[in-house]
Amino acid sequence: MGLDLTKTTPVQASLVKLLENRQWLDQNIYELQKKYRGQTIAVHGQAVVGTGQSAEQVLDIVKDKYPVDEVLIMLIPKEEILVVPYPE
């Protein structure tokens, strides 16, 4: 039995969703910083699904609602963010 590269594994599917959440966060970082400055947020399905003061607190909020391996948890800095665009 060989490796079937036409199928996506569950781990790969989770990583794709995590990357999509990260791309959404990057695209919306300035708006998110205005609303969530200094807070930790959880992103799932390209939306903020939880907020708190620490990653542990946010994880407690989302762990029973969403697949944890698909949730992006990020601290939104208080300081101004400089976004360096990806090369195209």
C-alpha atoms as a PDB file:
ATOM      1  CA  MET A   1       0.000   0.000   0.000  1.00  0.00           C
ATOM      2  CA  GLY A   2       1.542   3.291  -1.130  1.00  0.00           C
ATOM      3  CA  LEU A   3       1.098   6.868  -0.044  1.00  0.00           C
ATOM      4  CA  ASP A   4      -2.013   8.474  -1.601  1.00  0.00           C
ATOM      5  CA  LEU A   5      -1.201  12.131  -2.183  1.00  0.00           C
ATOM      6  CA  THR A   6      -4.694  12.872  -3.529  1.00  0.00           C
ATOM      7  CA  LYS A   7      -6.308  12.588  -0.100  1.00  0.00           C
ATOM      8  CA  THR A   8      -6.135  15.124   2.700  1.00  0.00           C
ATOM      9  CA  THR A   9      -5.459  13.771   6.172  1.00  0.00           C
ATOM     10  CA  PRO A  10      -7.338  15.149   9.193  1.00  0.00           C
ATOM     11  CA  VAL A  11      -4.136  16.821  10.374  1.00  0.00           C
ATOM     12  CA  GLN A  12      -3.662  18.512   7.010  1.00  0.00           C
ATOM     13  CA  ALA A  13      -7.293  19.690   7.026  1.00  0.00           C
ATOM     14  CA  SER A  14      -6.819  21.199  10.496  1.00  0.00           C
ATOM     15  CA  LEU A  15      -3.645  22.961   9.383  1.00  0.00           C
ATOM     16  CA  VAL A  16      -5.439  24.431   6.367  1.00  0.00           C
ATOM     17  CA  LYS A  17      -8.171  25.825   8.644  1.00  0.00           C
ATOM     18  CA  LEU A  18      -5.558  27.205  11.027  1.00  0.00           C
ATOM     19  CA  LEU A  19      -3.770  28.902   8.125  1.00  0.00           C
ATOM     20  CA  GLU A  20      -7.060  30.375   6.871  1.00  0.00           C
ATOM     21  CA  ASN A  21      -7.694  31.799  10.343  1.00  0.00           C
ATOM     22  CA  ARG A  22      -4.192  33.283  10.400  1.00  0.00           C
ATOM     23  CA  GLN A  23      -4.653  34.858   6.978  1.00  0.00           C
ATOM     24  CA  TRP A  24      -7.974  36.356   8.117  1.00  0.00           C
ATOM     25  CA  LEU A  25      -6.295  37.728  11.249  1.00  0.00           C
ATOM     26  CA  ASP A  26      -3.500  39.262   9.171  1.00  0.00           C
ATOM     27  CA  GLN A  27      -6.013  40.881   6.805  1.00  0.00           C
ATOM     28  CA  ASN A  28      -8.036  42.331   9.693  1.00  0.00           C
ATOM     29  CA  ILE A  29      -5.319  43.076  12.246  1.00  0.00           C
ATOM     30  CA  TYR A  30      -5.833  46.843  12.374  1.00  0.00           C
ATOM     31  CA  GLU A  31      -9.578  46.535  13.044  1.00  0.00           C
ATOM     32  CA  LEU A  32      -8.952  43.752  15.553  1.00  0.00           C
ATOM     33  CA  GLN A  33      -6.377  45.851  17.369  1.00  0.00           C
ATOM     34  CA  LYS A  34      -8.842  48.737  17.698  1.00  0.00           C
ATOM     35  CA  LYS A  35     -11.367  46.426  19.347  1.00  0.00           C
ATOM     36  CA  TYR A  36      -9.159  43.929  21.247  1.00  0.00           C
ATOM     37  CA  ARG A  37      -5.963  45.858  22.065  1.00  0.00           C
ATOM     38  CA  GLY A  38      -4.081  44.105  24.879  1.00  0.00           C
ATOM     39  CA  GLN A  39      -6.433  41.103  24.928  1.00  0.00           C
ATOM     40  CA  THR A  40      -5.934  37.512  23.859  1.00  0.00           C
ATOM     41  CA  ILE A  41      -8.347  36.369  21.170  1.00  0.00           C
ATOM     42  CA  ALA A  42      -9.385  33.047  19.664  1.00  0.00           C
ATOM     43  CA  VAL A  43     -10.133  32.888  15.946  1.00  0.00           C
ATOM     44  CA  HIS A  44     -12.113  30.063  14.346  1.00  0.00           C
ATOM     45  CA  GLY A  45     -13.984  30.069  11.055  1.00  0.00           C
ATOM     46  CA  GLN A  46     -12.412  33.426  10.264  1.00  0.00           C
ATOM     47  CA  ALA A  47     -14.139  35.116  13.212  1.00  0.00           C
ATOM     48  CA  VAL A  48     -13.273  36.020  16.799  1.00  0.00           C
ATOM     49  CA  VAL A  49     -14.923  33.353  18.969  1.00  0.00           C
ATOM     50  CA  GLY A  50     -13.439  34.176  22.368  1.00  0.00           C
ATOM     51  CA  THR A  51     -11.485  36.817  24.239  1.00  0.00           C
ATOM     52  CA  GLY A  52      -9.689  37.013  27.563  1.00  0.00           C
ATOM     53  CA  GLN A  53      -6.610  38.163  29.413  1.00  0.00           C
ATOM     54  CA  SER A  54      -4.532  35.018  28.767  1.00  0.00           C
ATOM     55  CA  ALA A  55      -4.237  32.132  26.350  1.00  0.00           C
ATOM     56  CA  GLU A  56      -5.283  29.742  29.112  1.00  0.00           C
ATOM     57  CA  GLN A  57      -8.445  31.733  29.804  1.00  0.00           C
ATOM     58  CA  VAL A  58      -9.365  31.876  26.107  1.00  0.00           C
ATOM     59  CA  LEU A  59      -8.644  28.172  25.656  1.00  0.00           C
ATOM     60  CA  ASP A  60     -11.022  27.394  28.529  1.00  0.00           C
ATOM     61  CA  ILE A  61     -13.727  29.419  26.762  1.00  0.00           C
ATOM     62  CA  VAL A  62     -13.393  27.724  23.351  1.00  0.00           C
ATOM     63  CA  LYS A  63     -12.181  24.179  24.048  1.00  0.00           C
ATOM     64  CA  ASP A  64     -15.671  22.660  24.349  1.00  0.00           C
ATOM     65  CA  LYS A  65     -17.111  24.627  21.416  1.00  0.00           C
ATOM     66  CA  TYR A  66     -14.514  24.265  18.660  1.00  0.00           C
ATOM     67  CA  PRO A  67     -11.812  21.796  17.587  1.00  0.00           C
ATOM     68  CA  VAL A  68      -8.789  23.147  19.463  1.00  0.00           C
ATOM     69  CA  ASP A  69      -6.389  22.207  16.670  1.00  0.00           C
ATOM     70  CA  GLU A  70      -8.271  24.594  14.347  1.00  0.00           C
ATOM     71  CA  VAL A  71      -8.389  27.568  16.744  1.00  0.00           C
ATOM     72  CA  LEU A  72      -5.798  30.313  16.460  1.00  0.00           C
ATOM     73  CA  ILE A  73      -5.076  31.981  19.806  1.00  0.00           C
ATOM     74  CA  MET A  74      -3.195  35.257  19.667  1.00  0.00           C
ATOM     75  CA  LEU A  75      -2.353  38.152  21.965  1.00  0.00           C
ATOM     76  CA  ILE A  76      -3.263  41.435  20.290  1.00  0.00           C
ATOM     77  CA  PRO A  77      -0.489  43.850  21.236  1.00  0.00           C
ATOM     78  CA  LYS A  78      -1.143  47.176  22.895  1.00  0.00           C
ATOM     79  CA  GLU A  79       1.554  48.807  20.772  1.00  0.00           C
ATOM     80  CA  GLU A  80       1.003  49.866  17.184  1.00  0.00           C
ATOM     81  CA  ILE A  81       1.413  46.982  14.753  1.00  0.00           C
ATOM     82  CA  LEU A  82       3.635  47.188  11.708  1.00  0.00           C
ATOM     83  CA  VAL A  83       2.555  44.661   9.117  1.00  0.00           C
ATOM     84  CA  VAL A  84       5.119  43.670   6.538  1.00  0.00           C
ATOM     85  CA  PRO A  85       3.269  42.316   3.494  1.00  0.00           C
ATOM     86  CA  TYR A  86       4.050  38.902   2.103  1.00  0.00           C
ATOM     87  CA  PRO A  87       5.835  38.986  -1.232  1.00  0.00           C
ATOM     88  CA  GLU A  88       3.594  38.093  -4.127  1.00  0.00           C
END
